[in-house]
Amino acid sequence: KSNIGHTQAAAGGLGLAKVLIAAAREAVPASLHTAEASREIDWEKQGLRLATELTPWPAADGHRLAAVTAFAMSGTNAHVIVSVPEAA
């Protein structure tokens, strides 16, 4: 959402496209319009960080792993786990 806004019904598909493009480019795009990370999350304990700039995405164990979750107002929910193998 931070990069292109909320696209309603297309949000899940565009989220998946964003993950696939990021994996192909081996970099995570910055989350825009975010002044600071939520204090409700223990980022360090969880091994997480907010991407505030274009961040290299190295393959771990031979692949890049990501997840996309989409919720629709109609009650439809979807979750996709994407595993992209490291380029040969």
PDB file of N, CA and C in Angstrom:
ATOM      1  N   LYS A   1       0.822  -1.195   0.000  1.00  0.00           N
ATOM      2  CA  LYS A   1       0.000   0.000   0.000  1.00  0.00           C
ATOM      3  C   LYS A   1       0.861   1.252   0.000  1.00  0.00           C
ATOM      4  N   SER A   2       1.993   1.193   0.697  1.00  0.00           N
ATOM      5  CA  SER A   2       2.786   2.419   0.815  1.00  0.00           C
ATOM      6  C   SER A   2       3.389   2.859  -0.514  1.00  0.00           C
ATOM      7  N   ASN A   3       3.533   1.935  -1.455  1.00  0.00           N
ATOM      8  CA  ASN A   3       4.145   2.286  -2.734  1.00  0.00           C
ATOM      9  C   ASN A   3       3.137   2.725  -3.793  1.00  0.00           C
ATOM     10  N   ILE A   4       1.933   2.116  -3.798  1.00  0.00           N
ATOM     11  CA  ILE A   4       0.972   2.436  -4.860  1.00  0.00           C
ATOM     12  C   ILE A   4      -0.429   2.748  -4.342  1.00  0.00           C
ATOM     13  N   GLY A   5      -0.613   2.798  -3.040  1.00  0.00           N
ATOM     14  CA  GLY A   5      -1.932   3.056  -2.482  1.00  0.00           C
ATOM     15  C   GLY A   5      -2.742   1.774  -2.379  1.00  0.00           C
ATOM     16  N   HIS A   6      -3.967   1.874  -1.858  1.00  0.00           N
ATOM     17  CA  HIS A   6      -4.817   0.686  -1.750  1.00  0.00           C
ATOM     18  C   HIS A   6      -5.598   0.533  -3.044  1.00  0.00           C
ATOM     19  N   THR A   7      -5.408  -0.579  -3.683  1.00  0.00           N
ATOM     20  CA  THR A   7      -6.015  -0.810  -4.994  1.00  0.00           C
ATOM     21  C   THR A   7      -7.267  -1.683  -4.917  1.00  0.00           C
ATOM     22  N   GLN A   8      -7.862  -1.757  -3.730  1.00  0.00           N
ATOM     23  CA  GLN A   8      -9.105  -2.493  -3.510  1.00  0.00           C
ATOM     24  C   GLN A   8      -8.985  -3.946  -3.967  1.00  0.00           C
ATOM     25  N   ALA A   9      -9.794  -4.373  -4.919  1.00  0.00           N
ATOM     26  CA  ALA A   9      -9.836  -5.777  -5.329  1.00  0.00           C
ATOM     27  C   ALA A   9      -8.528  -6.270  -5.938  1.00  0.00           C
ATOM     28  N   ALA A  10      -7.725  -5.380  -6.474  1.00  0.00           N
ATOM     29  CA  ALA A  10      -6.461  -5.784  -7.104  1.00  0.00           C
ATOM     30  C   ALA A  10      -5.296  -5.840  -6.119  1.00  0.00           C
ATOM     31  N   ALA A  11      -5.527  -5.487  -4.850  1.00  0.00           N
ATOM     32  CA  ALA A  11      -4.433  -5.366  -3.882  1.00  0.00           C
ATOM     33  C   ALA A  11      -3.633  -6.656  -3.720  1.00  0.00           C
ATOM     34  N   GLY A  12      -4.300  -7.787  -3.607  1.00  0.00           N
ATOM     35  CA  GLY A  12      -3.588  -9.055  -3.436  1.00  0.00           C
ATOM     36  C   GLY A  12      -2.720  -9.391  -4.633  1.00  0.00           C
ATOM     37  N   GLY A  13      -3.261  -9.222  -5.829  1.00  0.00           N
ATOM     38  CA  GLY A  13      -2.496  -9.501  -7.048  1.00  0.00           C
ATOM     39  C   GLY A  13      -1.313  -8.571  -7.210  1.00  0.00           C
ATOM     40  N   LEU A  14      -1.509  -7.303  -6.875  1.00  0.00           N
ATOM     41  CA  LEU A  14      -0.400  -6.350  -6.972  1.00  0.00           C
ATOM     42  C   LEU A  14       0.638  -6.601  -5.890  1.00  0.00           C
ATOM     43  N   GLY A  15       0.203  -7.038  -4.714  1.00  0.00           N
ATOM     44  CA  GLY A  15       1.151  -7.413  -3.662  1.00  0.00           C
ATOM     45  C   GLY A  15       2.009  -8.583  -4.099  1.00  0.00           C
ATOM     46  N   LEU A  16       1.391  -9.563  -4.758  1.00  0.00           N
ATOM     47  CA  LEU A  16       2.134 -10.705  -5.284  1.00  0.00           C
ATOM     48  C   LEU A  16       3.107 -10.257  -6.367  1.00  0.00           C
ATOM     49  N   ALA A  17       2.667  -9.381  -7.264  1.00  0.00           N
ATOM     50  CA  ALA A  17       3.555  -8.865  -8.314  1.00  0.00           C
ATOM     51  C   ALA A  17       4.742  -8.131  -7.702  1.00  0.00           C
ATOM     52  N   LYS A  18       4.492  -7.351  -6.657  1.00  0.00           N
ATOM     53  CA  LYS A  18       5.571  -6.612  -5.990  1.00  0.00           C
ATOM     54  C   LYS A  18       6.613  -7.573  -5.419  1.00  0.00           C
ATOM     55  N   VAL A  19       6.166  -8.659  -4.798  1.00  0.00           N
ATOM     56  CA  VAL A  19       7.089  -9.656  -4.244  1.00  0.00           C
ATOM     57  C   VAL A  19       7.901 -10.312  -5.354  1.00  0.00           C
ATOM     58  N   LEU A  20       7.254 -10.670  -6.455  1.00  0.00           N
ATOM     59  CA  LEU A  20       7.968 -11.327  -7.557  1.00  0.00           C
ATOM     60  C   LEU A  20       8.996 -10.394  -8.198  1.00  0.00           C
ATOM     61  N   ILE A  21       8.638  -9.127  -8.362  1.00  0.00           N
ATOM     62  CA  ILE A  21       9.585  -8.151  -8.921  1.00  0.00           C
ATOM     63  C   ILE A  21      10.751  -7.947  -7.960  1.00  0.00           C
ATOM     64  N   ALA A  22      10.462  -7.836  -6.669  1.00  0.00           N
ATOM     65  CA  ALA A  22      11.523  -7.658  -5.675  1.00  0.00           C
ATOM     66  C   ALA A  22      12.473  -8.850  -5.679  1.00  0.00           C
ATOM     67  N   ALA A  23      11.930 -10.060  -5.777  1.00  0.00           N
ATOM     68  CA  ALA A  23      12.778 -11.257  -5.807  1.00  0.00           C
ATOM     69  C   ALA A  23      13.644 -11.277  -7.059  1.00  0.00           C
ATOM     70  N   ALA A  24      13.065 -10.913  -8.197  1.00  0.00           N
ATOM     71  CA  ALA A  24      13.831 -10.892  -9.448  1.00  0.00           C
ATOM     72  C   ALA A  24      14.948  -9.852  -9.398  1.00  0.00           C
ATOM     73  N   ARG A  25      14.691  -8.741  -8.724  1.00  0.00           N
ATOM     74  CA  ARG A  25      15.699  -7.671  -8.608  1.00  0.00           C
ATOM     75  C   ARG A  25      16.619  -7.867  -7.407  1.00  0.00           C
ATOM     76  N   GLU A  26      16.321  -8.903  -6.615  1.00  0.00           N
ATOM     77  CA  GLU A  26      17.115  -9.234  -5.424  1.00  0.00           C
ATOM     78  C   GLU A  26      17.202  -8.062  -4.451  1.00  0.00           C
ATOM     79  N   ALA A  27      16.107  -7.302  -4.333  1.00  0.00           N
ATOM     80  CA  ALA A  27      16.075  -6.145  -3.439  1.00  0.00           C
ATOM     81  C   ALA A  27      14.645  -5.876  -2.968  1.00  0.00           C
ATOM     82  N   VAL A  28      14.515  -5.479  -1.717  1.00  0.00           N
ATOM     83  CA  VAL A  28      13.222  -5.122  -1.137  1.00  0.00           C
ATOM     84  C   VAL A  28      13.040  -3.610  -1.270  1.00  0.00           C
ATOM     85  N   PRO A  29      11.936  -3.147  -1.883  1.00  0.00           N
ATOM     86  CA  PRO A  29      11.724  -1.697  -2.008  1.00  0.00           C
ATOM     87  C   PRO A  29      11.409  -1.071  -0.653  1.00  0.00           C
ATOM     88  N   ALA A  30      11.673   0.201  -0.537  1.00  0.00           N
ATOM     89  CA  ALA A  30      11.394   0.918   0.709  1.00  0.00           C
ATOM     90  C   ALA A  30       9.894   1.009   0.955  1.00  0.00           C
ATOM     91  N   SER A  31       9.506   0.960   2.224  1.00  0.00           N
ATOM     92  CA  SER A  31       8.128   1.248   2.618  1.00  0.00           C
ATOM     93  C   SER A  31       8.015   2.761   2.717  1.00  0.00           C
ATOM     94  N   LEU A  32       7.195   3.348   1.879  1.00  0.00           N
ATOM     95  CA  LEU A  32       7.082   4.800   1.819  1.00  0.00           C
ATOM     96  C   LEU A  32       6.100   5.331   2.861  1.00  0.00           C
ATOM     97  N   HIS A  33       6.207   6.602   3.156  1.00  0.00           N
ATOM     98  CA  HIS A  33       5.278   7.314   4.038  1.00  0.00           C
ATOM     99  C   HIS A  33       5.246   6.732   5.453  1.00  0.00           C
ATOM    100  N   THR A  34       6.364   6.197   5.912  1.00  0.00           N
ATOM    101  CA  THR A  34       6.461   5.628   7.250  1.00  0.00           C
ATOM    102  C   THR A  34       7.562   6.355   8.004  1.00  0.00           C
ATOM    103  N   ALA A  35       7.180   7.160   8.978  1.00  0.00           N
ATOM    104  CA  ALA A  35       8.162   7.940   9.735  1.00  0.00           C
ATOM    105  C   ALA A  35       8.962   7.061  10.691  1.00  0.00           C
ATOM    106  N   GLU A  36       8.285   6.097  11.322  1.00  0.00           N
ATOM    107  CA  GLU A  36       8.977   5.198  12.239  1.00  0.00           C
ATOM    108  C   GLU A  36       8.227   3.883  12.330  1.00  0.00           C
ATOM    109  N   ALA A  37       8.948   2.849  12.731  1.00  0.00           N
ATOM    110  CA  ALA A  37       8.353   1.521  12.864  1.00  0.00           C
ATOM    111  C   ALA A  37       7.438   1.479  14.089  1.00  0.00           C
ATOM    112  N   SER A  38       6.434   0.628  14.037  1.00  0.00           N
ATOM    113  CA  SER A  38       5.502   0.477  15.153  1.00  0.00           C
ATOM    114  C   SER A  38       6.242   0.057  16.418  1.00  0.00           C
ATOM    115  N   ARG A  39       5.900   0.676  17.511  1.00  0.00           N
ATOM    116  CA  ARG A  39       6.492   0.315  18.803  1.00  0.00           C
ATOM    117  C   ARG A  39       5.794  -0.893  19.411  1.00  0.00           C
ATOM    118  N   GLU A  40       4.704  -1.330  18.800  1.00  0.00           N
ATOM    119  CA  GLU A  40       3.955  -2.488  19.281  1.00  0.00           C
ATOM    120  C   GLU A  40       4.637  -3.803  18.906  1.00  0.00           C
ATOM    121  N   ILE A  41       5.633  -3.731  18.049  1.00  0.00           N
ATOM    122  CA  ILE A  41       6.350  -4.923  17.582  1.00  0.00           C
ATOM    123  C   ILE A  41       7.764  -4.885  18.122  1.00  0.00           C
ATOM    124  N   ASP A  42       8.213  -6.005  18.691  1.00  0.00           N
ATOM    125  CA  ASP A  42       9.603  -6.107  19.141  1.00  0.00           C
ATOM    126  C   ASP A  42      10.427  -6.534  17.930  1.00  0.00           C
ATOM    127  N   TRP A  43      10.780  -5.569  17.096  1.00  0.00           N
ATOM    128  CA  TRP A  43      11.442  -5.822  15.821  1.00  0.00           C
ATOM    129  C   TRP A  43      12.724  -6.626  15.999  1.00  0.00           C
ATOM    130  N   GLU A  44      13.560  -6.213  16.957  1.00  0.00           N
ATOM    131  CA  GLU A  44      14.849  -6.878  17.149  1.00  0.00           C
ATOM    132  C   GLU A  44      14.661  -8.325  17.589  1.00  0.00           C
ATOM    133  N   LYS A  45      13.760  -8.556  18.539  1.00  0.00           N
ATOM    134  CA  LYS A  45      13.511  -9.914  19.033  1.00  0.00           C
ATOM    135  C   LYS A  45      13.007 -10.823  17.914  1.00  0.00           C
ATOM    136  N   GLN A  46      12.188 -10.277  17.018  1.00  0.00           N
ATOM    137  CA  GLN A  46      11.633 -11.062  15.920  1.00  0.00           C
ATOM    138  C   GLN A  46      12.585 -11.183  14.731  1.00  0.00           C
ATOM    139  N   GLY A  47      13.706 -10.484  14.783  1.00  0.00           N
ATOM    140  CA  GLY A  47      14.655 -10.518  13.666  1.00  0.00           C
ATOM    141  C   GLY A  47      14.133  -9.776  12.446  1.00  0.00           C
ATOM    142  N   LEU A  48      13.322  -8.733  12.688  1.00  0.00           N
ATOM    143  CA  LEU A  48      12.703  -7.972  11.605  1.00  0.00           C
ATOM    144  C   LEU A  48      13.230  -6.546  11.577  1.00  0.00           C
ATOM    145  N   ARG A  49      13.073  -5.899  10.425  1.00  0.00           N
ATOM    146  CA  ARG A  49      13.366  -4.470  10.324  1.00  0.00           C
ATOM    147  C   ARG A  49      12.503  -3.883   9.219  1.00  0.00           C
ATOM    148  N   LEU A  50      12.177  -2.632   9.358  1.00  0.00           N
ATOM    149  CA  LEU A  50      11.377  -1.922   8.371  1.00  0.00           C
ATOM    150  C   LEU A  50      12.301  -1.451   7.257  1.00  0.00           C
ATOM    151  N   ALA A  51      11.944  -1.741   6.028  1.00  0.00           N
ATOM    152  CA  ALA A  51      12.762  -1.308   4.887  1.00  0.00           C
ATOM    153  C   ALA A  51      12.477   0.166   4.623  1.00  0.00           C
ATOM    154  N   THR A  52      13.383   1.024   5.039  1.00  0.00           N
ATOM    155  CA  THR A  52      13.212   2.461   4.839  1.00  0.00           C
ATOM    156  C   THR A  52      13.926   2.947   3.586  1.00  0.00           C
ATOM    157  N   GLU A  53      14.652   2.050   2.940  1.00  0.00           N
ATOM    158  CA  GLU A  53      15.328   2.341   1.674  1.00  0.00           C
ATOM    159  C   GLU A  53      15.447   1.037   0.901  1.00  0.00           C
ATOM    160  N   LEU A  54      15.778   1.119  -0.377  1.00  0.00           N
ATOM    161  CA  LEU A  54      15.965  -0.085  -1.179  1.00  0.00           C
ATOM    162  C   LEU A  54      17.005  -0.951  -0.478  1.00  0.00           C
ATOM    163  N   THR A  55      16.630  -2.188  -0.164  1.00  0.00           N
ATOM    164  CA  THR A  55      17.466  -3.058   0.657  1.00  0.00           C
ATOM    165  C   THR A  55      17.802  -4.338  -0.096  1.00  0.00           C
ATOM    166  N   PRO A  56      19.085  -4.708  -0.171  1.00  0.00           N
ATOM    167  CA  PRO A  56      19.445  -5.968  -0.824  1.00  0.00           C
ATOM    168  C   PRO A  56      18.706  -7.140  -0.168  1.00  0.00           C
ATOM    169  N   TRP A  57      18.286  -8.096  -0.987  1.00  0.00           N
ATOM    170  CA  TRP A  57      17.566  -9.271  -0.501  1.00  0.00           C
ATOM    171  C   TRP A  57      18.358 -10.506  -0.907  1.00  0.00           C
ATOM    172  N   PRO A  58      19.347 -10.883  -0.114  1.00  0.00           N
ATOM    173  CA  PRO A  58      20.148 -12.050  -0.464  1.00  0.00           C
ATOM    174  C   PRO A  58      19.337 -13.334  -0.294  1.00  0.00           C
ATOM    175  N   ALA A  59      19.640 -14.318  -1.108  1.00  0.00           N
ATOM    176  CA  ALA A  59      18.977 -15.611  -0.990  1.00  0.00           C
ATOM    177  C   ALA A  59      19.472 -16.303   0.277  1.00  0.00           C
ATOM    178  N   ALA A  60      18.579 -16.986   0.962  1.00  0.00           N
ATOM    179  CA  ALA A  60      18.929 -17.778   2.140  1.00  0.00           C
ATOM    180  C   ALA A  60      18.614 -19.235   1.822  1.00  0.00           C
ATOM    181  N   ASP A  61      19.576 -20.092   2.010  1.00  0.00           N
ATOM    182  CA  ASP A  61      19.393 -21.518   1.704  1.00  0.00           C
ATOM    183  C   ASP A  61      18.952 -21.739   0.260  1.00  0.00           C
ATOM    184  N   GLY A  62      19.451 -20.905  -0.653  1.00  0.00           N
ATOM    185  CA  GLY A  62      19.197 -21.097  -2.076  1.00  0.00           C
ATOM    186  C   GLY A  62      17.910 -20.493  -2.618  1.00  0.00           C
ATOM    187  N   HIS A  63      17.159 -19.766  -1.787  1.00  0.00           N
ATOM    188  CA  HIS A  63      15.925 -19.151  -2.296  1.00  0.00           C
ATOM    189  C   HIS A  63      15.559 -17.915  -1.477  1.00  0.00           C
ATOM    190  N   ARG A  64      14.647 -17.133  -2.029  1.00  0.00           N
ATOM    191  CA  ARG A  64      14.065 -15.992  -1.328  1.00  0.00           C
ATOM    192  C   ARG A  64      12.628 -16.381  -0.970  1.00  0.00           C
ATOM    193  N   LEU A  65      12.257 -16.171   0.274  1.00  0.00           N
ATOM    194  CA  LEU A  65      10.949 -16.586   0.764  1.00  0.00           C
ATOM    195  C   LEU A  65      10.158 -15.354   1.193  1.00  0.00           C
ATOM    196  N   ALA A  66       8.907 -15.271   0.751  1.00  0.00           N
ATOM    197  CA  ALA A  66       8.052 -14.130   1.094  1.00  0.00           C
ATOM    198  C   ALA A  66       6.612 -14.611   1.235  1.00  0.00           C
ATOM    199  N   ALA A  67       5.783 -13.772   1.832  1.00  0.00           N
ATOM    200  CA  ALA A  67       4.367 -14.084   1.977  1.00  0.00           C
ATOM    201  C   ALA A  67       3.537 -12.849   1.644  1.00  0.00           C
ATOM    202  N   VAL A  68       2.377 -13.081   1.050  1.00  0.00           N
ATOM    203  CA  VAL A  68       1.431 -12.009   0.734  1.00  0.00           C
ATOM    204  C   VAL A  68       0.078 -12.430   1.301  1.00  0.00           C
ATOM    205  N   THR A  69      -0.541 -11.543   2.057  1.00  0.00           N
ATOM    206  CA  THR A  69      -1.861 -11.805   2.619  1.00  0.00           C
ATOM    207  C   THR A  69      -2.832 -10.760   2.088  1.00  0.00           C
ATOM    208  N   ALA A  70      -4.028 -11.198   1.728  1.00  0.00           N
ATOM    209  CA  ALA A  70      -5.047 -10.279   1.220  1.00  0.00           C
ATOM    210  C   ALA A  70      -6.380 -10.578   1.906  1.00  0.00           C
ATOM    211  N   PHE A  71      -7.060  -9.527   2.314  1.00  0.00           N
ATOM    212  CA  PHE A  71      -8.373  -9.636   2.948  1.00  0.00           C
ATOM    213  C   PHE A  71      -9.356  -8.792   2.149  1.00  0.00           C
ATOM    214  N   ALA A  72     -10.508  -9.365   1.816  1.00  0.00           N
ATOM    215  CA  ALA A  72     -11.520  -8.624   1.060  1.00  0.00           C
ATOM    216  C   ALA A  72     -12.704  -8.302   1.962  1.00  0.00           C
ATOM    217  N   MET A  73     -13.372  -7.217   1.655  1.00  0.00           N
ATOM    218  CA  MET A  73     -14.541  -6.819   2.438  1.00  0.00           C
ATOM    219  C   MET A  73     -15.662  -7.848   2.326  1.00  0.00           C
ATOM    220  N   SER A  74     -15.628  -8.674   1.290  1.00  0.00           N
ATOM    221  CA  SER A  74     -16.651  -9.697   1.099  1.00  0.00           C
ATOM    222  C   SER A  74     -16.430 -10.905   2.000  1.00  0.00           C
ATOM    223  N   GLY A  75     -15.286 -10.934   2.695  1.00  0.00           N
ATOM    224  CA  GLY A  75     -14.979 -12.064   3.564  1.00  0.00           C
ATOM    225  C   GLY A  75     -13.968 -13.022   2.972  1.00  0.00           C
ATOM    226  N   THR A  76     -13.569 -12.790   1.740  1.00  0.00           N
ATOM    227  CA  THR A  76     -12.568 -13.641   1.110  1.00  0.00           C
ATOM    228  C   THR A  76     -11.195 -13.300   1.669  1.00  0.00           C
ATOM    229  N   ASN A  77     -10.465 -14.312   2.093  1.00  0.00           N
ATOM    230  CA  ASN A  77      -9.111 -14.130   2.597  1.00  0.00           C
ATOM    231  C   ASN A  77      -8.175 -15.030   1.804  1.00  0.00           C
ATOM    232  N   ALA A  78      -6.980 -14.558   1.560  1.00  0.00           N
ATOM    233  CA  ALA A  78      -6.001 -15.361   0.828  1.00  0.00           C
ATOM    234  C   ALA A  78      -4.620 -15.121   1.415  1.00  0.00           C
ATOM    235  N   HIS A  79      -3.813 -16.161   1.416  1.00  0.00           N
ATOM    236  CA  HIS A  79      -2.428 -16.052   1.872  1.00  0.00           C
ATOM    237  C   HIS A  79      -1.583 -16.904   0.934  1.00  0.00           C
ATOM    238  N   VAL A  80      -0.548 -16.311   0.390  1.00  0.00           N
ATOM    239  CA  VAL A  80       0.328 -17.009  -0.551  1.00  0.00           C
ATOM    240  C   VAL A  80       1.749 -16.946  -0.020  1.00  0.00           C
ATOM    241  N   ILE A  81       2.420 -18.086  -0.007  1.00  0.00           N
ATOM    242  CA  ILE A  81       3.837 -18.136   0.338  1.00  0.00           C
ATOM    243  C   ILE A  81       4.595 -18.347  -0.957  1.00  0.00           C
ATOM    244  N   VAL A  82       5.568 -17.485  -1.208  1.00  0.00           N
ATOM    245  CA  VAL A  82       6.323 -17.507  -2.459  1.00  0.00           C
ATOM    246  C   VAL A  82       7.766 -17.883  -2.157  1.00  0.00           C
ATOM    247  N   SER A  83       8.269 -18.879  -2.858  1.00  0.00           N
ATOM    248  CA  SER A  83       9.669 -19.274  -2.751  1.00  0.00           C
ATOM    249  C   SER A  83      10.287 -19.129  -4.131  1.00  0.00           C
ATOM    250  N   VAL A  84      11.253 -18.223  -4.249  1.00  0.00           N
ATOM    251  CA  VAL A  84      11.896 -17.959  -5.534  1.00  0.00           C
ATOM    252  C   VAL A  84      13.327 -18.475  -5.458  1.00  0.00           C
ATOM    253  N   PRO A  85      13.688 -19.448  -6.319  1.00  0.00           N
ATOM    254  CA  PRO A  85      15.049 -19.987  -6.265  1.00  0.00           C
ATOM    255  C   PRO A  85      16.089 -18.950  -6.664  1.00  0.00           C
ATOM    256  N   GLU A  86      17.266 -19.103  -6.090  1.00  0.00           N
ATOM    257  CA  GLU A  86      18.383 -18.227  -6.409  1.00  0.00           C
ATOM    258  C   GLU A  86      18.750 -18.390  -7.877  1.00  0.00           C
ATOM    259  N   ALA A  87      19.100 -17.278  -8.535  1.00  0.00           N
ATOM    260  CA  ALA A  87      19.493 -17.328  -9.949  1.00  0.00           C
ATOM    261  C   ALA A  87      20.742 -18.183 -10.107  1.00  0.00           C
ATOM    262  N   ALA A  88      20.782 -18.936 -11.197  1.00  0.00           N
ATOM    263  CA  ALA A  88      21.933 -19.817 -11.450  1.00  0.00           C
ATOM    264  C   ALA A  88      23.101 -19.036 -11.990  1.00  0.00           C
TER     265      ALA A  88
END
